[in-house]
Amino acid sequence: MNRYAAAGIAQDAQRGRRVLVVSPDGRGTRTALDAIAARTPGAMVRRAKGSETVHVEGAGAVYFTTPRSDRGRGMSVDVVYLDDVTETPELRADLVPCLATSTVGELIR
């Protein structure tokens, strides 16, 4: 994850948006989590395998997943960010419903 994406995602969370970051693997998830947490002062960071989260109290949150895991099933988010992940029809079919209830509903590649 580059620093511009990490800064933008952290800013979205501070503004109250819920963001789902899809990284290619566990290593990518940890890198993204560290980059976003460093740019989100005062955030609560959860580093449990498969349930990584950066939560800004009274605002939004950043959730992390990989294409091999649950892919965000059952989640409702405002932004989905594909972090160096190849978008496939199956992945898109899993992620688009996550944005269905959002007034923003952004899918960022």
C-alpha atoms as a PDB file:
ATOM      1  CA  MET A   1       0.000   0.000   0.000  1.00  0.00           C
ATOM      2  CA  ASN A   2       1.399   3.369  -0.897  1.00  0.00           C
ATOM      3  CA  ARG A   3       1.423   6.281   1.526  1.00  0.00           C
ATOM      4  CA  TYR A   4      -1.147   8.275  -0.434  1.00  0.00           C
ATOM      5  CA  ALA A   5      -3.701   5.472  -0.279  1.00  0.00           C
ATOM      6  CA  ALA A   6      -2.996   4.921   3.430  1.00  0.00           C
ATOM      7  CA  ALA A   7      -3.430   8.635   4.178  1.00  0.00           C
ATOM      8  CA  GLY A   8      -6.688   8.808   2.217  1.00  0.00           C
ATOM      9  CA  ILE A   9      -8.122   5.724   3.892  1.00  0.00           C
ATOM     10  CA  ALA A  10      -7.146   7.032   7.344  1.00  0.00           C
ATOM     11  CA  GLN A  11      -8.779  10.362   6.513  1.00  0.00           C
ATOM     12  CA  ASP A  12     -11.986   8.640   5.368  1.00  0.00           C
ATOM     13  CA  ALA A  13     -12.149   6.701   8.659  1.00  0.00           C
ATOM     14  CA  GLN A  14     -11.640   9.906  10.649  1.00  0.00           C
ATOM     15  CA  ARG A  15     -14.527  11.462   8.709  1.00  0.00           C
ATOM     16  CA  GLY A  16     -16.857   8.637   9.694  1.00  0.00           C
ATOM     17  CA  ARG A  17     -16.652   6.313   6.702  1.00  0.00           C
ATOM     18  CA  ARG A  18     -16.339   2.548   6.910  1.00  0.00           C
ATOM     19  CA  VAL A  19     -13.619   1.254   4.586  1.00  0.00           C
ATOM     20  CA  LEU A  20     -12.853  -2.324   3.536  1.00  0.00           C
ATOM     21  CA  VAL A  21      -9.272  -2.917   2.349  1.00  0.00           C
ATOM     22  CA  VAL A  22      -8.788  -6.062   0.250  1.00  0.00           C
ATOM     23  CA  SER A  23      -5.099  -7.065   0.276  1.00  0.00           C
ATOM     24  CA  PRO A  24      -3.607  -9.936  -1.732  1.00  0.00           C
ATOM     25  CA  ASP A  25      -2.490 -11.920   1.341  1.00  0.00           C
ATOM     26  CA  GLY A  26      -1.809 -11.773   5.080  1.00  0.00           C
ATOM     27  CA  ARG A  27       1.482  -9.961   4.606  1.00  0.00           C
ATOM     28  CA  GLY A  28      -0.250  -7.265   2.545  1.00  0.00           C
ATOM     29  CA  THR A  29      -2.922  -6.962   5.227  1.00  0.00           C
ATOM     30  CA  ARG A  30      -0.321  -6.403   7.948  1.00  0.00           C
ATOM     31  CA  THR A  31       1.513  -3.811   5.832  1.00  0.00           C
ATOM     32  CA  ALA A  32      -1.714  -1.935   5.096  1.00  0.00           C
ATOM     33  CA  LEU A  33      -2.827  -2.121   8.732  1.00  0.00           C
ATOM     34  CA  ASP A  34       0.478  -0.674   9.942  1.00  0.00           C
ATOM     35  CA  ALA A  35       0.453   2.105   7.342  1.00  0.00           C
ATOM     36  CA  ILE A  36      -3.123   3.161   8.126  1.00  0.00           C
ATOM     37  CA  ALA A  37      -2.718   2.852  11.911  1.00  0.00           C
ATOM     38  CA  ALA A  38       0.361   5.107  11.780  1.00  0.00           C
ATOM     39  CA  ARG A  39      -1.742   7.800  10.090  1.00  0.00           C
ATOM     40  CA  THR A  40      -4.722   7.489  12.441  1.00  0.00           C
ATOM     41  CA  PRO A  41      -3.756   8.951  15.834  1.00  0.00           C
ATOM     42  CA  GLY A  42      -5.858   7.795  18.757  1.00  0.00           C
ATOM     43  CA  ALA A  43      -7.404   4.894  16.850  1.00  0.00           C
ATOM     44  CA  MET A  44      -8.022   1.503  18.425  1.00  0.00           C
ATOM     45  CA  VAL A  45      -6.116  -1.129  16.430  1.00  0.00           C
ATOM     46  CA  ARG A  46      -7.088  -4.789  16.509  1.00  0.00           C
ATOM     47  CA  ARG A  47      -4.481  -7.208  15.170  1.00  0.00           C
ATOM     48  CA  ALA A  48      -6.297 -10.549  15.466  1.00  0.00           C
ATOM     49  CA  LYS A  49      -5.679 -12.813  12.476  1.00  0.00           C
ATOM     50  CA  GLY A  50      -8.682 -12.598  10.200  1.00  0.00           C
ATOM     51  CA  SER A  51     -10.250  -9.753  12.155  1.00  0.00           C
ATOM     52  CA  GLU A  52      -7.855  -6.829  11.719  1.00  0.00           C
ATOM     53  CA  THR A  53      -9.492  -3.451  12.303  1.00  0.00           C
ATOM     54  CA  VAL A  54      -8.562   0.190  12.805  1.00  0.00           C
ATOM     55  CA  HIS A  55     -11.465   1.816  14.658  1.00  0.00           C
ATOM     56  CA  VAL A  56     -11.706   5.575  15.181  1.00  0.00           C
ATOM     57  CA  GLU A  57     -13.857   6.246  18.251  1.00  0.00           C
ATOM     58  CA  GLY A  58     -16.944   8.250  17.360  1.00  0.00           C
ATOM     59  CA  ALA A  59     -16.135   8.044  13.655  1.00  0.00           C
ATOM     60  CA  GLY A  60     -15.485   5.287  11.120  1.00  0.00           C
ATOM     61  CA  ALA A  61     -13.393   2.165  10.833  1.00  0.00           C
ATOM     62  CA  VAL A  62     -11.117   0.305   8.451  1.00  0.00           C
ATOM     63  CA  TYR A  63     -11.586  -3.442   8.006  1.00  0.00           C
ATOM     64  CA  PHE A  64      -9.212  -5.810   6.211  1.00  0.00           C
ATOM     65  CA  THR A  65      -9.737  -8.982   4.201  1.00  0.00           C
ATOM     66  CA  THR A  66      -8.125 -11.035   1.434  1.00  0.00           C
ATOM     67  CA  PRO A  67      -9.636 -12.546  -1.719  1.00  0.00           C
ATOM     68  CA  ARG A  68      -9.240 -16.017  -0.193  1.00  0.00           C
ATOM     69  CA  SER A  69     -11.132 -15.275   3.008  1.00  0.00           C
ATOM     70  CA  ASP A  70     -14.744 -14.178   3.495  1.00  0.00           C
ATOM     71  CA  ARG A  71     -14.300 -11.215   1.107  1.00  0.00           C
ATOM     72  CA  GLY A  72     -16.382  -8.966   3.290  1.00  0.00           C
ATOM     73  CA  ARG A  73     -19.548 -11.046   3.140  1.00  0.00           C
ATOM     74  CA  GLY A  74     -22.239  -9.617   5.362  1.00  0.00           C
ATOM     75  CA  MET A  75     -20.461  -6.284   5.783  1.00  0.00           C
ATOM     76  CA  SER A  76     -21.819  -2.854   4.979  1.00  0.00           C
ATOM     77  CA  VAL A  77     -19.129  -0.316   4.092  1.00  0.00           C
ATOM     78  CA  ASP A  78     -18.837   3.017   2.301  1.00  0.00           C
ATOM     79  CA  VAL A  79     -15.581   2.350   0.433  1.00  0.00           C
ATOM     80  CA  VAL A  80     -13.890  -0.808  -0.841  1.00  0.00           C
ATOM     81  CA  TYR A  81     -10.198  -0.414  -1.688  1.00  0.00           C
ATOM     82  CA  LEU A  82      -8.477  -3.117  -3.754  1.00  0.00           C
ATOM     83  CA  ASP A  83      -4.841  -3.024  -2.638  1.00  0.00           C
ATOM     84  CA  ASP A  84      -2.851  -4.599  -5.488  1.00  0.00           C
ATOM     85  CA  VAL A  85      -5.553  -7.226  -5.995  1.00  0.00           C
ATOM     86  CA  THR A  86      -6.693  -8.372  -9.423  1.00  0.00           C
ATOM     87  CA  GLU A  87     -10.419  -7.833  -9.746  1.00  0.00           C
ATOM     88  CA  THR A  88     -12.229 -10.940 -10.945  1.00  0.00           C
ATOM     89  CA  PRO A  89     -15.955 -11.298 -11.663  1.00  0.00           C
ATOM     90  CA  GLU A  90     -16.290 -13.508  -8.557  1.00  0.00           C
ATOM     91  CA  LEU A  91     -14.535 -10.981  -6.306  1.00  0.00           C
ATOM     92  CA  ARG A  92     -16.612  -8.125  -7.711  1.00  0.00           C
ATOM     93  CA  ALA A  93     -19.811 -10.121  -7.135  1.00  0.00           C
ATOM     94  CA  ASP A  94     -18.811 -10.562  -3.480  1.00  0.00           C
ATOM     95  CA  LEU A  95     -17.801  -6.928  -2.904  1.00  0.00           C
ATOM     96  CA  VAL A  96     -20.542  -4.936  -4.640  1.00  0.00           C
ATOM     97  CA  PRO A  97     -23.244  -5.952  -2.097  1.00  0.00           C
ATOM     98  CA  CYS A  98     -21.024  -4.518   0.675  1.00  0.00           C
ATOM     99  CA  LEU A  99     -21.643  -1.089  -0.853  1.00  0.00           C
ATOM    100  CA  ALA A 100     -25.383  -1.476  -1.439  1.00  0.00           C
ATOM    101  CA  THR A 101     -26.601   0.442   1.612  1.00  0.00           C
ATOM    102  CA  SER A 102     -24.034   3.242   1.436  1.00  0.00           C
ATOM    103  CA  THR A 103     -24.868   6.670   0.053  1.00  0.00           C
ATOM    104  CA  VAL A 104     -21.229   6.967  -1.051  1.00  0.00           C
ATOM    105  CA  GLY A 105     -20.545   3.448  -2.347  1.00  0.00           C
ATOM    106  CA  GLU A 106     -17.040   3.721  -3.829  1.00  0.00           C
ATOM    107  CA  LEU A 107     -15.034   0.826  -5.264  1.00  0.00           C
ATOM    108  CA  ILE A 108     -11.418   1.969  -5.641  1.00  0.00           C
ATOM    109  CA  ARG A 109      -8.950  -0.079  -7.666  1.00  0.00           C
END
